[in-house]
Protein backbone atom coordinates (compact mmCIF):
# COMPACT_ATOMS: atom_id res chain seq x y z
CA UNK A 1 -4.24 115.34 -9.78
CA UNK A 2 -5.13 117.85 -7.28
CA UNK A 3 -6.65 117.31 -3.88
CA UNK A 4 -10.06 118.54 -5.17
CA UNK A 5 -9.91 116.40 -8.38
CA UNK A 6 -9.06 113.39 -6.16
CA UNK A 7 -11.92 114.07 -3.67
CA UNK A 8 -14.35 114.40 -6.69
CA UNK A 9 -12.84 111.23 -8.08
CA UNK A 10 -13.62 109.40 -4.93
CA UNK A 11 -17.19 110.81 -4.85
CA UNK A 12 -17.71 109.62 -8.56
CA UNK A 13 -16.62 106.09 -7.55
CA UNK A 14 -18.93 106.03 -4.68
CA UNK A 15 -21.81 107.30 -6.59
CA UNK A 16 -21.35 104.76 -9.32
CA UNK A 17 -21.04 102.05 -6.61
CA UNK A 18 -24.28 103.32 -5.10
CA UNK A 19 -26.00 103.26 -8.48
CA UNK A 20 -24.68 99.57 -9.11
CA UNK A 21 -26.21 98.60 -5.63
CA UNK A 22 -29.58 100.27 -6.09
CA UNK A 23 -29.89 98.72 -9.52
CA UNK A 24 -28.97 95.23 -8.14
CA UNK A 25 -31.67 95.67 -5.43
CA UNK A 26 -34.19 96.65 -7.84
CA UNK A 27 -33.31 93.71 -10.03
CA UNK A 28 -33.19 91.32 -7.55
CA UNK A 29 -35.85 88.51 -7.55
CA UNK A 30 -35.90 87.82 -3.63
CA UNK A 31 -36.82 89.94 -0.67
CA UNK A 32 -34.52 91.60 1.88
CA UNK A 33 -33.76 89.22 4.65
CA UNK A 34 -35.11 91.10 7.75
CA UNK A 35 -37.19 89.98 10.84
CA UNK A 36 -40.39 90.17 8.84
CA UNK A 37 -38.86 87.63 6.15
CA UNK A 38 -38.12 85.05 8.84
CA UNK A 39 -41.73 85.47 10.33
CA UNK A 40 -43.34 85.06 6.94
CA UNK A 41 -41.15 82.06 6.46
CA UNK A 42 -42.24 80.35 9.48
CA UNK A 43 -45.85 80.93 8.68
CA UNK A 44 -45.22 79.69 5.15
CA UNK A 45 -43.67 76.45 6.60
CA UNK A 46 -46.37 75.90 9.09
CA UNK A 47 -48.91 76.35 6.33
CA UNK A 48 -47.15 73.86 4.23
CA UNK A 49 -47.51 71.24 7.13
CA UNK A 50 -51.09 71.94 7.74
CA UNK A 51 -51.99 72.24 4.07
CA UNK A 52 -50.06 69.05 3.06
CA UNK A 53 -51.65 67.05 5.84
CA UNK A 54 -55.22 68.66 4.85
CA UNK A 55 -54.92 67.03 1.21
CA UNK A 56 -53.27 63.64 2.28
CA UNK A 57 -54.95 63.07 5.35
CA UNK A 58 -58.09 65.23 5.85
CA UNK A 59 -59.29 64.74 2.17
CA UNK A 60 -57.74 61.22 1.98
CA UNK A 61 -55.86 61.71 -1.25
CA UNK A 62 -52.72 59.85 -0.09
CA UNK A 63 -49.12 61.15 -0.13
CA UNK A 64 -48.49 60.28 -3.73
CA UNK A 65 -51.45 62.16 -5.21
CA UNK A 66 -50.99 64.94 -2.83
CA UNK A 67 -47.31 65.39 -3.97
CA UNK A 68 -48.27 65.41 -7.48
CA UNK A 69 -50.99 68.08 -6.89
CA UNK A 70 -48.50 70.32 -4.83
CA UNK A 71 -45.64 69.65 -7.44
CA UNK A 72 -48.13 71.11 -10.30
CA UNK A 73 -48.90 74.09 -7.94
CA UNK A 74 -45.15 74.49 -7.46
CA UNK A 75 -44.40 74.14 -11.26
CA UNK A 76 -47.06 76.92 -11.97
CA UNK A 77 -45.97 79.36 -9.27
CA UNK A 78 -42.39 78.92 -10.20
CA UNK A 79 -42.74 79.79 -13.73
CA UNK A 80 -44.72 83.00 -12.62
CA UNK A 81 -41.57 83.70 -10.46
CA UNK A 82 -39.13 83.04 -13.02
CA UNK A 83 -40.99 85.27 -15.49
CA UNK A 84 -41.15 88.23 -13.31
CA UNK A 85 -38.55 90.93 -13.86
CA UNK A 86 -37.87 91.72 -10.21
CA UNK A 87 -39.11 90.64 -6.78
CA UNK A 88 -42.87 90.18 -6.82
CA UNK A 89 -44.26 89.29 -3.21
CA UNK A 90 -47.20 87.17 -4.53
CA UNK A 91 -45.18 85.08 -6.73
CA UNK A 92 -42.27 84.82 -4.33
CA UNK A 93 -44.02 83.71 -1.37
CA UNK A 94 -46.48 81.39 -3.59
CA UNK A 95 -43.42 79.52 -4.57
CA UNK A 96 -42.13 79.19 -1.00
CA UNK A 97 -45.59 77.82 0.23
CA UNK A 98 -45.50 75.38 -2.65
CA UNK A 99 -42.16 74.06 -1.83
CA UNK A 100 -43.06 73.53 1.84
CA UNK A 101 -46.29 71.81 0.70
CA UNK A 102 -44.29 69.68 -1.79
CA UNK A 103 -41.53 69.09 0.78
CA UNK A 104 -44.33 67.86 3.38
CA UNK A 105 -45.82 65.31 1.10
CA UNK A 106 -42.70 64.26 -0.53
CA UNK A 107 -40.92 63.83 2.87
CA UNK A 108 -43.95 61.90 4.22
CA UNK A 109 -43.92 59.54 1.09
CA UNK A 110 -40.14 59.00 1.52
CA UNK A 111 -40.39 58.28 5.00
CA UNK A 112 -43.66 56.18 5.25
CA UNK A 113 -44.60 54.83 1.90
CA UNK A 114 -41.07 54.04 0.77
CA UNK A 115 -40.21 53.06 4.26
CA UNK A 116 -36.79 54.79 4.69
CA UNK A 117 -37.70 56.24 8.10
CA UNK A 118 -36.98 59.69 9.39
CA UNK A 119 -33.14 59.15 10.11
CA UNK A 120 -32.22 57.70 6.77
CA UNK A 121 -34.23 60.26 4.74
CA UNK A 122 -32.95 63.21 6.89
CA UNK A 123 -29.36 62.02 6.51
CA UNK A 124 -29.86 61.75 2.63
CA UNK A 125 -31.67 64.93 2.42
CA UNK A 126 -29.11 66.74 4.47
CA UNK A 127 -26.31 65.34 2.16
CA UNK A 128 -28.32 66.54 -0.73
CA UNK A 129 -28.60 70.13 0.66
CA UNK A 130 -24.83 70.32 1.19
CA UNK A 131 -24.19 68.89 -2.19
CA UNK A 132 -26.42 71.59 -3.86
CA UNK A 133 -24.69 74.51 -1.85
CA UNK A 134 -21.38 73.08 -2.97
CA UNK A 135 -22.07 72.72 -6.63
CA UNK A 136 -23.66 76.33 -6.42
CA UNK A 137 -20.53 77.76 -5.11
CA UNK A 138 -18.22 76.02 -7.49
CA UNK A 139 -20.48 76.96 -10.42
CA UNK A 140 -20.92 80.59 -9.57
CA UNK A 141 -18.30 81.44 -7.06
CA UNK A 142 -20.65 82.42 -4.51
CA UNK A 143 -23.82 81.45 -2.65
CA UNK A 144 -26.27 84.56 -2.62
CA UNK A 145 -28.91 85.17 0.16
CA UNK A 146 -30.93 88.48 -0.75
CA UNK A 147 -29.57 89.64 -4.21
CA UNK A 148 -30.54 87.02 -6.76
CA UNK A 149 -30.30 88.48 -10.23
CA UNK A 150 -29.10 85.81 -12.63
CA UNK A 151 -31.10 83.12 -13.85
CA UNK A 152 -28.42 80.52 -12.51
CA UNK A 153 -28.35 81.96 -9.21
CA UNK A 154 -32.10 81.84 -9.15
CA UNK A 155 -32.33 78.16 -10.17
CA UNK A 156 -29.77 77.06 -7.41
CA UNK A 157 -31.80 79.23 -4.90
CA UNK A 158 -35.03 77.49 -5.68
CA UNK A 159 -33.56 73.91 -5.82
CA UNK A 160 -31.99 74.57 -2.39
CA UNK A 161 -35.14 75.73 -0.91
CA UNK A 162 -37.15 72.76 -2.37
CA UNK A 163 -34.60 70.38 -0.88
CA UNK A 164 -34.24 72.17 2.46
CA UNK A 165 -37.92 72.32 2.98
CA UNK A 166 -38.31 68.57 2.54
CA UNK A 167 -35.27 67.92 4.71
CA UNK A 168 -36.88 70.26 7.42
CA UNK A 169 -40.12 68.23 7.30
CA UNK A 170 -38.16 65.02 8.04
CA UNK A 171 -36.13 66.59 10.76
CA UNK A 172 -39.31 67.91 12.36
CA UNK A 173 -41.01 64.58 12.32
CA UNK A 174 -37.75 62.91 13.74
CA UNK A 175 -37.45 65.27 16.63
CA UNK A 176 -41.16 65.14 17.50
CA UNK A 177 -41.66 61.39 16.97
CA UNK A 178 -38.40 59.31 17.04
CA UNK A 179 -36.66 61.30 19.94
CA UNK A 180 -39.92 61.39 22.03
CA UNK A 181 -39.77 65.23 22.27
CA UNK A 182 -43.28 65.64 21.04
CA UNK A 183 -44.38 68.67 18.84
CA UNK A 184 -44.44 71.30 21.45
CA UNK A 185 -40.93 70.52 22.84
CA UNK A 186 -39.72 69.88 19.34
CA UNK A 187 -40.70 73.42 18.38
CA UNK A 188 -38.92 74.97 21.34
CA UNK A 189 -35.60 72.96 20.40
CA UNK A 190 -35.76 74.26 16.83
CA UNK A 191 -36.47 77.79 17.89
CA UNK A 192 -33.47 77.47 20.17
CA UNK A 193 -31.45 76.39 17.33
CA UNK A 194 -32.45 79.13 15.16
CA UNK A 195 -31.54 81.65 18.05
CA UNK A 196 -28.02 80.20 18.17
CA UNK A 197 -27.65 80.69 14.44
CA UNK A 198 -28.91 84.28 14.87
CA UNK A 199 -26.21 84.81 17.66
CA UNK A 200 -23.46 83.14 15.44
CA UNK A 201 -24.42 85.78 12.81
CA UNK A 202 -23.93 88.57 15.26
CA UNK A 203 -20.92 87.29 17.15
CA UNK A 204 -18.87 85.38 14.55
CA UNK A 205 -17.39 85.87 11.04
CA UNK A 206 -19.17 82.79 9.66
CA UNK A 207 -20.18 83.50 6.14
CA UNK A 208 -23.70 84.95 5.88
CA UNK A 209 -24.79 82.42 3.13
CA UNK A 210 -23.87 79.35 5.29
CA UNK A 211 -25.92 80.61 8.26
CA UNK A 212 -28.77 81.96 6.23
CA UNK A 213 -29.34 78.44 4.71
CA UNK A 214 -28.91 76.92 8.18
CA UNK A 215 -31.61 79.11 9.57
CA UNK A 216 -33.69 78.45 6.41
CA UNK A 217 -33.52 74.65 6.97
CA UNK A 218 -34.35 74.95 10.63
CA UNK A 219 -37.34 77.11 10.15
CA UNK A 220 -39.02 74.36 8.21
CA UNK A 221 -38.93 71.71 11.23
CA UNK A 222 -40.18 74.69 13.14
CA UNK A 223 -42.95 75.10 11.11
CA UNK A 224 -43.60 71.39 10.82
CA UNK A 225 -43.81 71.04 14.58
CA UNK A 226 -45.99 74.17 15.07
CA UNK A 227 -48.39 72.72 12.38
CA UNK A 228 -48.59 69.59 13.97
CA UNK A 229 -49.08 71.17 17.50
CA UNK A 230 -52.15 72.78 15.96
CA UNK A 231 -53.71 70.01 14.17
CA UNK A 232 -52.77 66.71 15.85
CA UNK A 233 -55.05 64.97 18.33
CA UNK A 234 -55.04 65.72 22.01
CA UNK A 235 -53.60 62.12 22.64
CA UNK A 236 -50.65 62.91 20.44
CA UNK A 237 -49.99 66.26 22.03
CA UNK A 238 -51.70 68.47 19.59
CA UNK A 239 -54.47 70.91 19.78
CA UNK A 240 -56.73 69.02 17.57
CA UNK A 241 -57.69 71.99 15.27
CA UNK A 242 -59.02 71.66 11.89
CA UNK A 243 -56.23 71.40 9.28
CA UNK A 244 -58.30 73.33 6.73
CA UNK A 245 -59.35 76.01 9.15
CA UNK A 246 -55.86 76.20 10.45
CA UNK A 247 -54.25 76.56 6.79
CA UNK A 248 -56.79 79.43 5.92
CA UNK A 249 -56.03 81.47 9.02
CA UNK A 250 -52.33 80.99 8.66
CA UNK A 251 -52.73 81.96 4.87
CA UNK A 252 -54.44 85.19 5.90
CA UNK A 253 -52.05 86.09 8.44
CA UNK A 254 -49.28 85.56 5.83
CA UNK A 255 -51.12 87.90 3.22
CA UNK A 256 -51.42 90.49 5.86
CA UNK A 257 -47.85 90.60 6.90
CA UNK A 258 -46.43 90.50 3.30
CA UNK A 259 -48.91 93.21 2.32
CA UNK A 260 -47.70 95.63 5.12
CA UNK A 261 -44.05 95.00 4.78
CA UNK A 262 -44.35 95.30 0.82
CA UNK A 263 -45.98 98.52 1.18
CA UNK A 264 -43.31 99.83 3.71
CA UNK A 265 -40.94 98.93 1.26
CA UNK A 266 -42.35 100.79 -1.57
CA UNK A 267 -43.02 103.86 0.68
CA UNK A 268 -39.25 104.11 1.45
CA UNK A 269 -38.28 103.82 -2.13
CA UNK A 270 -40.84 106.29 -2.94
CA UNK A 271 -39.37 108.75 -0.24
CA UNK A 272 -35.94 108.33 -1.46
CA UNK A 273 -36.99 109.08 -5.18
CA UNK A 274 -38.85 112.18 -3.97
CA UNK A 275 -36.30 113.42 -1.58
CA UNK A 276 -32.86 112.39 -2.87
């Protein structure tokens, strides 16, 4: 093989790899992990807290009934997500919101109705998250973050999200109530922990999947404490805003941000296709 042939062969291999990468990106059922992703995730978790409390407390449906309602919403949105051929912003973020609302009411049911308390429920849910991730890795040989293509990976992805959001609710309540930090200082603590995870991502070689799911778990208590800060009475350290109004405002912000970021993504893909 001549030098020219070797160079051409290397270019052919690179082109084939790039094509496989582009195909994987197109077929992936989840969004890229960017700053916008984390902002929307925090909004979604905050919405889960205010929305869950709106049904269980404001509308006085109780934790059990609210959990069943949100579980039905989760099943409907999950079927839409599983039925899509690629990443669809509406389906994806609807499932995320559904998992946060289910996580809120489920955690409250475990903590308060069943009487396990925040410490025991947090320990059990943390062990469950770790168990799901271990089984995921043993089953598929990897833990994916932003390239979910197979049904098996997608199933593990959403189970992990559902359990982690339930864990996050319990952790948020534990930090704000049991430790005496309150909602505002609790939010600052979880924001600081997320910043530490981000620093570890930049400065260390810790696997991306591990840090991603650590941050994912932490965004839930951050959203929970932010939601409680907005809606709890002044006597409890909150702003005493309406749960329903807060939920609607957060939902509008989510829709706007997802729409803008999705349009930008499509624009980039379109530019690439037009100008190879």
